[in-house]
Amino acid sequence: RQDRIVVLIPEMHLPRPWQRLLRNQRGAVLDRAVRRDT
């Protein structure tokens, strides 16, 4: 029904690298799966 499927993945950009490491993994995991399988 569509020409192109676009997936918008919202993520928090936290001020400290250790905060980003602890809290921002879902976006990267979802990104890899969508790119690999669709």
Full PDB file with SEQRES, HELIX, SHEET, SSBOND, CRYST1, ORIGX, SCALE, CONECT and MASTER records, all heavy atoms in Angstrom:
SEQRES   1 A   38  ARG GLN ASP ARG ILE VAL VAL LEU ILE PRO GLU MET HIS          
SEQRES   2 A   38  LEU PRO ARG PRO TRP GLN ARG LEU LEU ARG ASN GLN ARG          
SEQRES   3 A   38  GLY ALA VAL LEU ASP ARG ALA VAL ARG ARG ASP THR              
HELIX    1 AA1 PRO A   17  ARG A   23  1                                   7    
HELIX    2 AA2 GLN A   25  ASP A   37  1                                  13    
CRYST1    1.000    1.000    1.000  90.00  90.00  90.00 P 1           1          
ORIGX1      1.000000  0.000000  0.000000        0.00000                         
ORIGX2      0.000000  1.000000  0.000000        0.00000                         
ORIGX3      0.000000  0.000000  1.000000        0.00000                         
SCALE1      1.000000  0.000000  0.000000        0.00000                         
SCALE2      0.000000  1.000000  0.000000        0.00000                         
SCALE3      0.000000  0.000000  1.000000        0.00000                         
ATOM      1  N   ARG A   1       0.819  -1.217   0.000  1.00  0.00           N  
ATOM      2  CA  ARG A   1       0.000   0.000   0.000  1.00  0.00           C  
ATOM      3  C   ARG A   1       0.848   1.261   0.000  1.00  0.00           C  
ATOM      4  O   ARG A   1       0.332   2.350  -0.108  1.00  0.00           O  
ATOM      5  CB  ARG A   1      -0.917   0.035   1.224  1.00  0.00           C  
ATOM      6  CG  ARG A   1      -1.952  -1.042   1.240  1.00  0.00           C  
ATOM      7  CD  ARG A   1      -2.863  -0.884   2.426  1.00  0.00           C  
ATOM      8  NE  ARG A   1      -2.052  -0.840   3.643  1.00  0.00           N  
ATOM      9  CZ  ARG A   1      -2.489  -0.430   4.820  1.00  0.00           C  
ATOM     10  NH1 ARG A   1      -3.705  -0.007   4.964  1.00  0.00           N  
ATOM     11  NH2 ARG A   1      -1.699  -0.441   5.858  1.00  0.00           N  
ATOM     12  N   GLN A   2       2.148   1.130   0.130  1.00  0.00           N  
ATOM     13  CA  GLN A   2       3.021   2.276   0.261  1.00  0.00           C  
ATOM     14  C   GLN A   2       4.210   2.144  -0.679  1.00  0.00           C  
ATOM     15  O   GLN A   2       4.561   1.055  -1.102  1.00  0.00           O  
ATOM     16  CB  GLN A   2       3.512   2.445   1.702  1.00  0.00           C  
ATOM     17  CG  GLN A   2       4.353   1.292   2.212  1.00  0.00           C  
ATOM     18  CD  GLN A   2       3.548   0.054   2.586  1.00  0.00           C  
ATOM     19  OE1 GLN A   2       2.446   0.184   3.057  1.00  0.00           O  
ATOM     20  NE2 GLN A   2       4.094  -1.121   2.358  1.00  0.00           N  
ATOM     21  N   ASP A   3       4.812   3.285  -1.003  1.00  0.00           N  
ATOM     22  CA  ASP A   3       6.005   3.270  -1.842  1.00  0.00           C  
ATOM     23  C   ASP A   3       7.240   2.908  -1.034  1.00  0.00           C  
ATOM     24  O   ASP A   3       8.125   2.210  -1.505  1.00  0.00           O  
ATOM     25  CB  ASP A   3       6.220   4.648  -2.487  1.00  0.00           C  
ATOM     26  CG  ASP A   3       5.135   4.964  -3.494  1.00  0.00           C  
ATOM     27  OD1 ASP A   3       4.618   4.024  -4.121  1.00  0.00           O  
ATOM     28  OD2 ASP A   3       4.807   6.152  -3.642  1.00  0.00           O  
ATOM     29  N   ARG A   4       7.340   3.418   0.174  1.00  0.00           N  
ATOM     30  CA  ARG A   4       8.525   3.223   1.001  1.00  0.00           C  
ATOM     31  C   ARG A   4       8.092   3.205   2.459  1.00  0.00           C  
ATOM     32  O   ARG A   4       7.277   4.006   2.885  1.00  0.00           O  
ATOM     33  CB  ARG A   4       9.506   4.354   0.760  1.00  0.00           C  
ATOM     34  CG  ARG A   4      10.712   4.403   1.630  1.00  0.00           C  
ATOM     35  CD  ARG A   4      11.756   3.354   1.384  1.00  0.00           C  
ATOM     36  NE  ARG A   4      12.180   3.351  -0.007  1.00  0.00           N  
ATOM     37  CZ  ARG A   4      12.830   2.330  -0.556  1.00  0.00           C  
ATOM     38  NH1 ARG A   4      13.119   1.274   0.160  1.00  0.00           N  
ATOM     39  NH2 ARG A   4      13.193   2.361  -1.804  1.00  0.00           N  
ATOM     40  N   ILE A   5       8.686   2.324   3.237  1.00  0.00           N  
ATOM     41  CA  ILE A   5       8.452   2.289   4.685  1.00  0.00           C  
ATOM     42  C   ILE A   5       9.629   2.998   5.344  1.00  0.00           C  
ATOM     43  O   ILE A   5      10.787   2.673   5.086  1.00  0.00           O  
ATOM     44  CB  ILE A   5       8.319   0.853   5.200  1.00  0.00           C  
ATOM     45  CG1 ILE A   5       7.069   0.202   4.611  1.00  0.00           C  
ATOM     46  CG2 ILE A   5       8.285   0.828   6.724  1.00  0.00           C  
ATOM     47  CD1 ILE A   5       6.901  -1.254   4.974  1.00  0.00           C  
ATOM     48  N   VAL A   6       9.317   3.972   6.173  1.00  0.00           N  
ATOM     49  CA  VAL A   6      10.331   4.725   6.909  1.00  0.00           C  
ATOM     50  C   VAL A   6      10.087   4.495   8.396  1.00  0.00           C  
ATOM     51  O   VAL A   6       8.973   4.672   8.876  1.00  0.00           O  
ATOM     52  CB  VAL A   6      10.270   6.232   6.585  1.00  0.00           C  
ATOM     53  CG1 VAL A   6      11.300   6.998   7.395  1.00  0.00           C  
ATOM     54  CG2 VAL A   6      10.462   6.465   5.091  1.00  0.00           C  
ATOM     55  N   VAL A   7      11.126   4.110   9.103  1.00  0.00           N  
ATOM     56  CA  VAL A   7      11.031   3.852  10.536  1.00  0.00           C  
ATOM     57  C   VAL A   7      11.768   4.966  11.271  1.00  0.00           C  
ATOM     58  O   VAL A   7      12.961   5.180  11.046  1.00  0.00           O  
ATOM     59  CB  VAL A   7      11.651   2.481  10.894  1.00  0.00           C  
ATOM     60  CG1 VAL A   7      11.614   2.251  12.394  1.00  0.00           C  
ATOM     61  CG2 VAL A   7      10.934   1.366  10.153  1.00  0.00           C  
ATOM     62  N   LEU A   8      11.060   5.675  12.121  1.00  0.00           N  
ATOM     63  CA  LEU A   8      11.644   6.728  12.944  1.00  0.00           C  
ATOM     64  C   LEU A   8      11.873   6.156  14.337  1.00  0.00           C  
ATOM     65  O   LEU A   8      10.937   5.718  14.999  1.00  0.00           O  
ATOM     66  CB  LEU A   8      10.702   7.935  13.016  1.00  0.00           C  
ATOM     67  CG  LEU A   8      11.128   9.077  13.907  1.00  0.00           C  
ATOM     68  CD1 LEU A   8      12.425   9.693  13.401  1.00  0.00           C  
ATOM     69  CD2 LEU A   8      10.034  10.119  13.972  1.00  0.00           C  
ATOM     70  N   ILE A   9      13.127   6.150  14.765  1.00  0.00           N  
ATOM     71  CA  ILE A   9      13.486   5.602  16.078  1.00  0.00           C  
ATOM     72  C   ILE A   9      13.896   6.780  16.973  1.00  0.00           C  
ATOM     73  O   ILE A   9      14.979   7.329  16.817  1.00  0.00           O  
ATOM     74  CB  ILE A   9      14.643   4.593  15.971  1.00  0.00           C  
ATOM     75  CG1 ILE A   9      14.257   3.454  15.030  1.00  0.00           C  
ATOM     76  CG2 ILE A   9      15.014   4.062  17.356  1.00  0.00           C  
ATOM     77  CD1 ILE A   9      15.399   2.489  14.739  1.00  0.00           C  
ATOM     78  N   PRO A  10      13.030   7.180  17.906  1.00  0.00           N  
ATOM     79  CA  PRO A  10      13.412   8.263  18.818  1.00  0.00           C  
ATOM     80  C   PRO A  10      14.360   7.737  19.893  1.00  0.00           C  
ATOM     81  O   PRO A  10      14.199   6.623  20.397  1.00  0.00           O  
ATOM     82  CB  PRO A  10      12.079   8.710  19.421  1.00  0.00           C  
ATOM     83  CG  PRO A  10      11.204   7.514  19.325  1.00  0.00           C  
ATOM     84  CD  PRO A  10      11.664   6.726  18.129  1.00  0.00           C  
ATOM     85  N   GLU A  11      15.371   8.532  20.202  1.00  0.00           N  
ATOM     86  CA  GLU A  11      16.352   8.139  21.219  1.00  0.00           C  
ATOM     87  C   GLU A  11      16.702   9.336  22.085  1.00  0.00           C  
ATOM     88  O   GLU A  11      16.658  10.471  21.635  1.00  0.00           O  
ATOM     89  CB  GLU A  11      17.641   7.639  20.559  1.00  0.00           C  
ATOM     90  CG  GLU A  11      17.473   6.388  19.743  1.00  0.00           C  
ATOM     91  CD  GLU A  11      18.755   5.983  19.070  1.00  0.00           C  
ATOM     92  OE1 GLU A  11      19.336   6.799  18.330  1.00  0.00           O  
ATOM     93  OE2 GLU A  11      19.168   4.849  19.290  1.00  0.00           O  
ATOM     94  N   MET A  12      17.079   9.041  23.320  1.00  0.00           N  
ATOM     95  CA  MET A  12      17.572  10.090  24.207  1.00  0.00           C  
ATOM     96  C   MET A  12      19.053  10.302  23.940  1.00  0.00           C  
ATOM     97  O   MET A  12      19.804   9.331  23.843  1.00  0.00           O  
ATOM     98  CB  MET A  12      17.393   9.684  25.669  1.00  0.00           C  
ATOM     99  CG  MET A  12      15.975   9.525  26.106  1.00  0.00           C  
ATOM    100  SD  MET A  12      15.852   9.166  27.877  1.00  0.00           S  
ATOM    101  CE  MET A  12      16.698   7.604  28.016  1.00  0.00           C  
ATOM    102  N   HIS A  13      19.463  11.528  23.803  1.00  0.00           N  
ATOM    103  CA  HIS A  13      20.897  11.853  23.716  1.00  0.00           C  
ATOM    104  C   HIS A  13      21.276  12.455  25.065  1.00  0.00           C  
ATOM    105  O   HIS A  13      21.001  13.621  25.346  1.00  0.00           O  
ATOM    106  CB  HIS A  13      21.184  12.831  22.581  1.00  0.00           C  
ATOM    107  CG  HIS A  13      22.639  13.139  22.446  1.00  0.00           C  
ATOM    108  ND1 HIS A  13      23.509  12.276  21.830  1.00  0.00           N  
ATOM    109  CD2 HIS A  13      23.368  14.186  22.874  1.00  0.00           C  
ATOM    110  CE1 HIS A  13      24.714  12.798  21.875  1.00  0.00           C  
ATOM    111  NE2 HIS A  13      24.662  13.946  22.510  1.00  0.00           N  
ATOM    112  N   LEU A  14      21.864  11.630  25.894  1.00  0.00           N  
ATOM    113  CA  LEU A  14      22.203  12.039  27.252  1.00  0.00           C  
ATOM    114  C   LEU A  14      23.572  12.710  27.292  1.00  0.00           C  
ATOM    115  O   LEU A  14      24.415  12.477  26.420  1.00  0.00           O  
ATOM    116  CB  LEU A  14      22.173  10.819  28.169  1.00  0.00           C  
ATOM    117  CG  LEU A  14      20.766  10.195  28.265  1.00  0.00           C  
ATOM    118  CD1 LEU A  14      20.845   8.786  28.768  1.00  0.00           C  
ATOM    119  CD2 LEU A  14      19.875  11.043  29.134  1.00  0.00           C  
ATOM    120  N   PRO A  15      23.820  13.545  28.304  1.00  0.00           N  
ATOM    121  CA  PRO A  15      25.043  14.354  28.316  1.00  0.00           C  
ATOM    122  C   PRO A  15      26.337  13.571  28.545  1.00  0.00           C  
ATOM    123  O   PRO A  15      27.378  13.960  28.046  1.00  0.00           O  
ATOM    124  CB  PRO A  15      24.815  15.344  29.456  1.00  0.00           C  
ATOM    125  CG  PRO A  15      23.737  14.770  30.293  1.00  0.00           C  
ATOM    126  CD  PRO A  15      22.924  13.901  29.392  1.00  0.00           C  
ATOM    127  N   ARG A  16      26.301  12.474  29.253  1.00  0.00           N  
ATOM    128  CA  ARG A  16      27.534  11.760  29.582  1.00  0.00           C  
ATOM    129  C   ARG A  16      27.626  10.443  28.810  1.00  0.00           C  
ATOM    130  O   ARG A  16      26.624   9.739  28.648  1.00  0.00           O  
ATOM    131  CB  ARG A  16      27.586  11.461  31.073  1.00  0.00           C  
ATOM    132  CG  ARG A  16      27.403  12.713  31.923  1.00  0.00           C  
ATOM    133  CD  ARG A  16      28.336  12.715  33.084  1.00  0.00           C  
ATOM    134  NE  ARG A  16      28.110  13.749  34.062  1.00  0.00           N  
ATOM    135  CZ  ARG A  16      28.244  15.039  33.875  1.00  0.00           C  
ATOM    136  NH1 ARG A  16      28.560  15.493  32.702  1.00  0.00           N  
ATOM    137  NH2 ARG A  16      28.046  15.910  34.840  1.00  0.00           N  
ATOM    138  N   PRO A  17      28.826  10.073  28.336  1.00  0.00           N  
ATOM    139  CA  PRO A  17      28.974   8.827  27.580  1.00  0.00           C  
ATOM    140  C   PRO A  17      28.492   7.587  28.333  1.00  0.00           C  
ATOM    141  O   PRO A  17      27.881   6.706  27.748  1.00  0.00           O  
ATOM    142  CB  PRO A  17      30.477   8.746  27.304  1.00  0.00           C  
ATOM    143  CG  PRO A  17      30.946  10.159  27.343  1.00  0.00           C  
ATOM    144  CD  PRO A  17      30.082  10.843  28.370  1.00  0.00           C  
ATOM    145  N   TRP A  18      28.740   7.509  29.639  1.00  0.00           N  
ATOM    146  CA  TRP A  18      28.319   6.330  30.389  1.00  0.00           C  
ATOM    147  C   TRP A  18      26.798   6.250  30.460  1.00  0.00           C  
ATOM    148  O   TRP A  18      26.226   5.164  30.475  1.00  0.00           O  
ATOM    149  CB  TRP A  18      28.951   6.293  31.784  1.00  0.00           C  
ATOM    150  CG  TRP A  18      28.527   7.397  32.705  1.00  0.00           C  
ATOM    151  CD1 TRP A  18      29.141   8.595  32.885  1.00  0.00           C  
ATOM    152  CD2 TRP A  18      27.393   7.392  33.575  1.00  0.00           C  
ATOM    153  NE1 TRP A  18      28.464   9.350  33.800  1.00  0.00           N  
ATOM    154  CE2 TRP A  18      27.375   8.634  34.248  1.00  0.00           C  
ATOM    155  CE3 TRP A  18      26.387   6.481  33.849  1.00  0.00           C  
ATOM    156  CZ2 TRP A  18      26.392   8.972  35.169  1.00  0.00           C  
ATOM    157  CZ3 TRP A  18      25.422   6.809  34.779  1.00  0.00           C  
ATOM    158  CH2 TRP A  18      25.433   8.044  35.424  1.00  0.00           C  
ATOM    159  N   GLN A  19      26.114   7.405  30.472  1.00  0.00           N  
ATOM    160  CA  GLN A  19      24.652   7.398  30.470  1.00  0.00           C  
ATOM    161  C   GLN A  19      24.131   6.891  29.125  1.00  0.00           C  
ATOM    162  O   GLN A  19      23.171   6.127  29.073  1.00  0.00           O  
ATOM    163  CB  GLN A  19      24.117   8.806  30.743  1.00  0.00           C  
ATOM    164  CG  GLN A  19      24.407   9.300  32.134  1.00  0.00           C  
ATOM    165  CD  GLN A  19      24.119  10.774  32.290  1.00  0.00           C  
ATOM    166  OE1 GLN A  19      24.303  11.567  31.362  1.00  0.00           O  
ATOM    167  NE2 GLN A  19      23.659  11.171  33.472  1.00  0.00           N  
ATOM    168  N   ARG A  20      24.763   7.324  28.049  1.00  0.00           N  
ATOM    169  CA  ARG A  20      24.356   6.870  26.716  1.00  0.00           C  
ATOM    170  C   ARG A  20      24.567   5.368  26.571  1.00  0.00           C  
ATOM    171  O   ARG A  20      23.743   4.674  25.977  1.00  0.00           O  
ATOM    172  CB  ARG A  20      25.117   7.638  25.637  1.00  0.00           C  
ATOM    173  CG  ARG A  20      24.700   9.106  25.570  1.00  0.00           C  
ATOM    174  CD  ARG A  20      25.242   9.801  24.344  1.00  0.00           C  
ATOM    175  NE  ARG A  20      26.688   9.964  24.343  1.00  0.00           N  
ATOM    176  CZ  ARG A  20      27.340  10.997  24.861  1.00  0.00           C  
ATOM    177  NH1 ARG A  20      26.667  11.980  25.439  1.00  0.00           N  
ATOM    178  NH2 ARG A  20      28.651  11.076  24.787  1.00  0.00           N  
ATOM    179  N   LEU A  21      25.665   4.867  27.119  1.00  0.00           N  
ATOM    180  CA  LEU A  21      25.954   3.441  27.043  1.00  0.00           C  
ATOM    181  C   LEU A  21      24.899   2.621  27.783  1.00  0.00           C  
ATOM    182  O   LEU A  21      24.451   1.578  27.312  1.00  0.00           O  
ATOM    183  CB  LEU A  21      27.340   3.163  27.625  1.00  0.00           C  
ATOM    184  CG  LEU A  21      27.787   1.714  27.602  1.00  0.00           C  
ATOM    185  CD1 LEU A  21      27.925   1.229  26.173  1.00  0.00           C  
ATOM    186  CD2 LEU A  21      29.092   1.562  28.353  1.00  0.00           C  
ATOM    187  N   LEU A  22      24.469   3.100  28.935  1.00  0.00           N  
ATOM    188  CA  LEU A  22      23.506   2.353  29.741  1.00  0.00           C  
ATOM    189  C   LEU A  22      22.078   2.444  29.224  1.00  0.00           C  
ATOM    190  O   LEU A  22      21.299   1.522  29.399  1.00  0.00           O  
ATOM    191  CB  LEU A  22      23.542   2.846  31.194  1.00  0.00           C  
ATOM    192  CG  LEU A  22      24.807   2.525  31.970  1.00  0.00           C  
ATOM    193  CD1 LEU A  22      24.750   3.167  33.343  1.00  0.00           C  
ATOM    194  CD2 LEU A  22      24.990   1.024  32.081  1.00  0.00           C  
ATOM    195  N   ARG A  23      21.708   3.540  28.588  1.00  0.00           N  
ATOM    196  CA  ARG A  23      20.298   3.775  28.285  1.00  0.00           C  
ATOM    197  C   ARG A  23      19.910   3.745  26.814  1.00  0.00           C  
ATOM    198  O   ARG A  23      18.740   3.758  26.511  1.00  0.00           O  
ATOM    199  CB  ARG A  23      19.878   5.129  28.858  1.00  0.00           C  
ATOM    200  CG  ARG A  23      20.024   5.171  30.342  1.00  0.00           C  
ATOM    201  CD  ARG A  23      19.405   6.396  30.875  1.00  0.00           C  
ATOM    202  NE  ARG A  23      19.616   6.456  32.314  1.00  0.00           N  
ATOM    203  CZ  ARG A  23      18.913   7.193  33.115  1.00  0.00           C  
ATOM    204  NH1 ARG A  23      17.963   7.947  32.645  1.00  0.00           N  
ATOM    205  NH2 ARG A  23      19.164   7.198  34.402  1.00  0.00           N  
ATOM    206  N   ASN A  24      20.831   3.744  25.898  1.00  0.00           N  
ATOM    207  CA  ASN A  24      20.469   3.943  24.500  1.00  0.00           C  
ATOM    208  C   ASN A  24      20.711   2.733  23.617  1.00  0.00           C  
ATOM    209  O   ASN A  24      21.007   2.880  22.449  1.00  0.00           O  
ATOM    210  CB  ASN A  24      21.249   5.129  23.927  1.00  0.00           C  
ATOM    211  CG  ASN A  24      20.371   6.326  23.730  1.00  0.00           C  
ATOM    212  OD1 ASN A  24      19.190   6.291  24.039  1.00  0.00           O  
ATOM    213  ND2 ASN A  24      20.932   7.386  23.211  1.00  0.00           N  
ATOM    214  N   GLN A  25      20.580   1.538  24.111  1.00  0.00           N  
ATOM    215  CA  GLN A  25      20.898   0.372  23.310  1.00  0.00           C  
ATOM    216  C   GLN A  25      19.753  -0.116  22.429  1.00  0.00           C  
ATOM    217  O   GLN A  25      19.980  -0.737  21.397  1.00  0.00           O  
ATOM    218  CB  GLN A  25      21.385  -0.753  24.218  1.00  0.00           C  
ATOM    219  CG  GLN A  25      22.612  -0.387  25.026  1.00  0.00           C  
ATOM    220  CD  GLN A  25      23.745   0.133  24.157  1.00  0.00           C  
ATOM    221  OE1 GLN A  25      24.131  -0.519  23.206  1.00  0.00           O  
ATOM    222  NE2 GLN A  25      24.254   1.313  24.459  1.00  0.00           N  
ATOM    223  N   ARG A  26      18.526   0.158  22.796  1.00  0.00           N  
ATOM    224  CA  ARG A  26      17.389  -0.358  22.024  1.00  0.00           C  
ATOM    225  C   ARG A  26      17.349   0.201  20.609  1.00  0.00           C  
ATOM    226  O   ARG A  26      17.012  -0.502  19.670  1.00  0.00           O  
ATOM    227  CB  ARG A  26      16.076  -0.049  22.738  1.00  0.00           C  
ATOM    228  CG  ARG A  26      15.880  -0.886  23.954  1.00  0.00           C  
ATOM    229  CD  ARG A  26      14.555  -0.606  24.575  1.00  0.00           C  
ATOM    230  NE  ARG A  26      14.373  -1.452  25.735  1.00  0.00           N  
ATOM    231  CZ  ARG A  26      13.368  -1.340  26.549  1.00  0.00           C  
ATOM    232  NH1 ARG A  26      12.459  -0.419  26.344  1.00  0.00           N  
ATOM    233  NH2 ARG A  26      13.258  -2.140  27.581  1.00  0.00           N  
ATOM    234  N   GLY A  27      17.667   1.468  20.453  1.00  0.00           N  
ATOM    235  CA  GLY A  27      17.648   2.068  19.119  1.00  0.00           C  
ATOM    236  C   GLY A  27      18.638   1.393  18.188  1.00  0.00           C  
ATOM    237  O   GLY A  27      18.328   1.097  17.035  1.00  0.00           O  
ATOM    238  N   ALA A  28      19.838   1.125  18.680  1.00  0.00           N  
ATOM    239  CA  ALA A  28      20.860   0.485  17.863  1.00  0.00           C  
ATOM    240  C   ALA A  28      20.466  -0.951  17.509  1.00  0.00           C  
ATOM    241  O   ALA A  28      20.649  -1.395  16.372  1.00  0.00           O  
ATOM    242  CB  ALA A  28      22.205   0.492  18.593  1.00  0.00           C  
ATOM    243  N   VAL A  29      19.907  -1.675  18.458  1.00  0.00           N  
ATOM    244  CA  VAL A  29      19.483  -3.058  18.216  1.00  0.00           C  
ATOM    245  C   VAL A  29      18.356  -3.083  17.186  1.00  0.00           C  
ATOM    246  O   VAL A  29      18.367  -3.886  16.241  1.00  0.00           O  
ATOM    247  CB  VAL A  29      19.046  -3.725  19.542  1.00  0.00           C  
ATOM    248  CG1 VAL A  29      18.368  -5.059  19.296  1.00  0.00           C  
ATOM    249  CG2 VAL A  29      20.242  -3.896  20.463  1.00  0.00           C  
ATOM    250  N   LEU A  30      17.381  -2.206  17.348  1.00  0.00           N  
ATOM    251  CA  LEU A  30      16.267  -2.140  16.412  1.00  0.00           C  
ATOM    252  C   LEU A  30      16.739  -1.713  15.022  1.00  0.00           C  
ATOM    253  O   LEU A  30      16.321  -2.272  14.012  1.00  0.00           O  
ATOM    254  CB  LEU A  30      15.199  -1.179  16.941  1.00  0.00           C  
ATOM    255  CG  LEU A  30      13.883  -1.158  16.202  1.00  0.00           C  
ATOM    256  CD1 LEU A  30      13.266  -2.540  16.133  1.00  0.00           C  
ATOM    257  CD2 LEU A  30      12.934  -0.185  16.872  1.00  0.00           C  
ATOM    258  N   ASP A  31      17.643  -0.743  14.967  1.00  0.00           N  
ATOM    259  CA  ASP A  31      18.215  -0.286  13.702  1.00  0.00           C  
ATOM    260  C   ASP A  31      18.846  -1.449  12.940  1.00  0.00           C  
ATOM    261  O   ASP A  31      18.576  -1.666  11.755  1.00  0.00           O  
ATOM    262  CB  ASP A  31      19.247   0.806  13.994  1.00  0.00           C  
ATOM    263  CG  ASP A  31      19.899   1.389  12.762  1.00  0.00           C  
ATOM    264  OD1 ASP A  31      20.300   0.627  11.859  1.00  0.00           O  
ATOM    265  OD2 ASP A  31      20.047   2.613  12.701  1.00  0.00           O  
ATOM    266  N   ARG A  32      19.694  -2.220  13.619  1.00  0.00           N  
ATOM    267  CA  ARG A  32      20.371  -3.349  12.962  1.00  0.00           C  
ATOM    268  C   ARG A  32      19.384  -4.400  12.459  1.00  0.00           C  
ATOM    269  O   ARG A  32      19.515  -4.914  11.346  1.00  0.00           O  
ATOM    270  CB  ARG A  32      21.382  -3.988  13.902  1.00  0.00           C  
ATOM    271  CG  ARG A  32      22.686  -3.228  13.968  1.00  0.00           C  
ATOM    272  CD  ARG A  32      23.762  -4.011  14.699  1.00  0.00           C  
ATOM    273  NE  ARG A  32      23.427  -4.278  16.078  1.00  0.00           N  
ATOM    274  CZ  ARG A  32      23.667  -3.446  17.097  1.00  0.00           C  
ATOM    275  NH1 ARG A  32      24.253  -2.291  16.865  1.00  0.00           N  
ATOM    276  NH2 ARG A  32      23.340  -3.771  18.321  1.00  0.00           N  
ATOM    277  N   ALA A  33      18.381  -4.718  13.261  1.00  0.00           N  
ATOM    278  CA  ALA A  33      17.405  -5.741  12.863  1.00  0.00           C  
ATOM    279  C   ALA A  33      16.581  -5.288  11.661  1.00  0.00           C  
ATOM    280  O   ALA A  33      16.347  -6.069  10.737  1.00  0.00           O  
ATOM    281  CB  ALA A  33      16.490  -6.067  14.040  1.00  0.00           C  
ATOM    282  N   VAL A  34      16.152  -4.033  11.664  1.00  0.00           N  
ATOM    283  CA  VAL A  34      15.340  -3.531  10.551  1.00  0.00           C  
ATOM    284  C   VAL A  34      16.172  -3.474   9.276  1.00  0.00           C  
ATOM    285  O   VAL A  34      15.719  -3.876   8.202  1.00  0.00           O  
ATOM    286  CB  VAL A  34      14.732  -2.152  10.894  1.00  0.00           C  
ATOM    287  CG1 VAL A  34      14.088  -1.522   9.680  1.00  0.00           C  
ATOM    288  CG2 VAL A  34      13.711  -2.295  12.022  1.00  0.00           C  
ATOM    289  N   ARG A  35      17.410  -2.994   9.367  1.00  0.00           N  
ATOM    290  CA  ARG A  35      18.283  -2.942   8.183  1.00  0.00           C  
ATOM    291  C   ARG A  35      18.591  -4.340   7.640  1.00  0.00           C  
ATOM    292  O   ARG A  35      18.654  -4.545   6.439  1.00  0.00           O  
ATOM    293  CB  ARG A  35      19.594  -2.238   8.521  1.00  0.00           C  
ATOM    294  CG  ARG A  35      19.472  -0.755   8.667  1.00  0.00           C  
ATOM    295  CD  ARG A  35      20.827  -0.128   8.987  1.00  0.00           C  
ATOM    296  NE  ARG A  35      20.670   1.201   9.505  1.00  0.00           N  
ATOM    297  CZ  ARG A  35      20.553   2.289   8.746  1.00  0.00           C  
ATOM    298  NH1 ARG A  35      20.564   2.182   7.438  1.00  0.00           N  
ATOM    299  NH2 ARG A  35      20.410   3.480   9.299  1.00  0.00           N  
ATOM    300  N   ARG A  36      18.788  -5.291   8.540  1.00  0.00           N  
ATOM    301  CA  ARG A  36      19.145  -6.648   8.138  1.00  0.00           C  
ATOM    302  C   ARG A  36      17.970  -7.384   7.503  1.00  0.00           C  
ATOM    303  O   ARG A  36      18.142  -8.127   6.539  1.00  0.00           O  
ATOM    304  CB  ARG A  36      19.649  -7.420   9.359  1.00  0.00           C  
ATOM    305  CG  ARG A  36      20.090  -8.850   9.070  1.00  0.00           C  
ATOM    306  CD  ARG A  36      20.456  -9.605  10.333  1.00  0.00           C  
ATOM    307  NE  ARG A  36      19.294  -9.704  11.201  1.00  0.00           N  
ATOM    308  CZ  ARG A  36      19.285  -9.370  12.492  1.00  0.00           C  
ATOM    309  NH1 ARG A  36      20.367  -8.917  13.088  1.00  0.00           N  
ATOM    310  NH2 ARG A  36      18.188  -9.485  13.217  1.00  0.00           N  
ATOM    311  N   ASP A  37      16.753  -7.185   8.032  1.00  0.00           N  
ATOM    312  CA  ASP A  37      15.622  -8.037   7.655  1.00  0.00           C  
ATOM    313  C   ASP A  37      14.543  -7.369   6.816  1.00  0.00           C  
ATOM    314  O   ASP A  37      13.557  -8.023   6.476  1.00  0.00           O  
ATOM    315  CB  ASP A  37      14.980  -8.615   8.922  1.00  0.00           C  
ATOM    316  CG  ASP A  37      15.928  -9.518   9.694  1.00  0.00           C  
ATOM    317  OD1 ASP A  37      16.807 -10.128   9.055  1.00  0.00           O  
ATOM    318  OD2 ASP A  37      15.792  -9.610  10.925  1.00  0.00           O  
ATOM    319  N   THR A  38      14.670  -6.079   6.516  1.00  0.00           N  
ATOM    320  CA  THR A  38      13.654  -5.390   5.705  1.00  0.00           C  
ATOM    321  C   THR A  38      14.332  -4.411   4.755  1.00  0.00           C  
ATOM    322  O   THR A  38      15.533  -4.188   4.835  1.00  0.00           O  
ATOM    323  CB  THR A  38      12.649  -4.602   6.584  1.00  0.00           C  
ATOM    324  OG1 THR A  38      13.291  -3.445   7.106  1.00  0.00           O  
ATOM    325  CG2 THR A  38      12.088  -5.443   7.720  1.00  0.00           C  
TER     326      THR A  38                                                      
MASTER        0    0    0    2    0    0    0    6  325    1    0    3          
END                                                                             
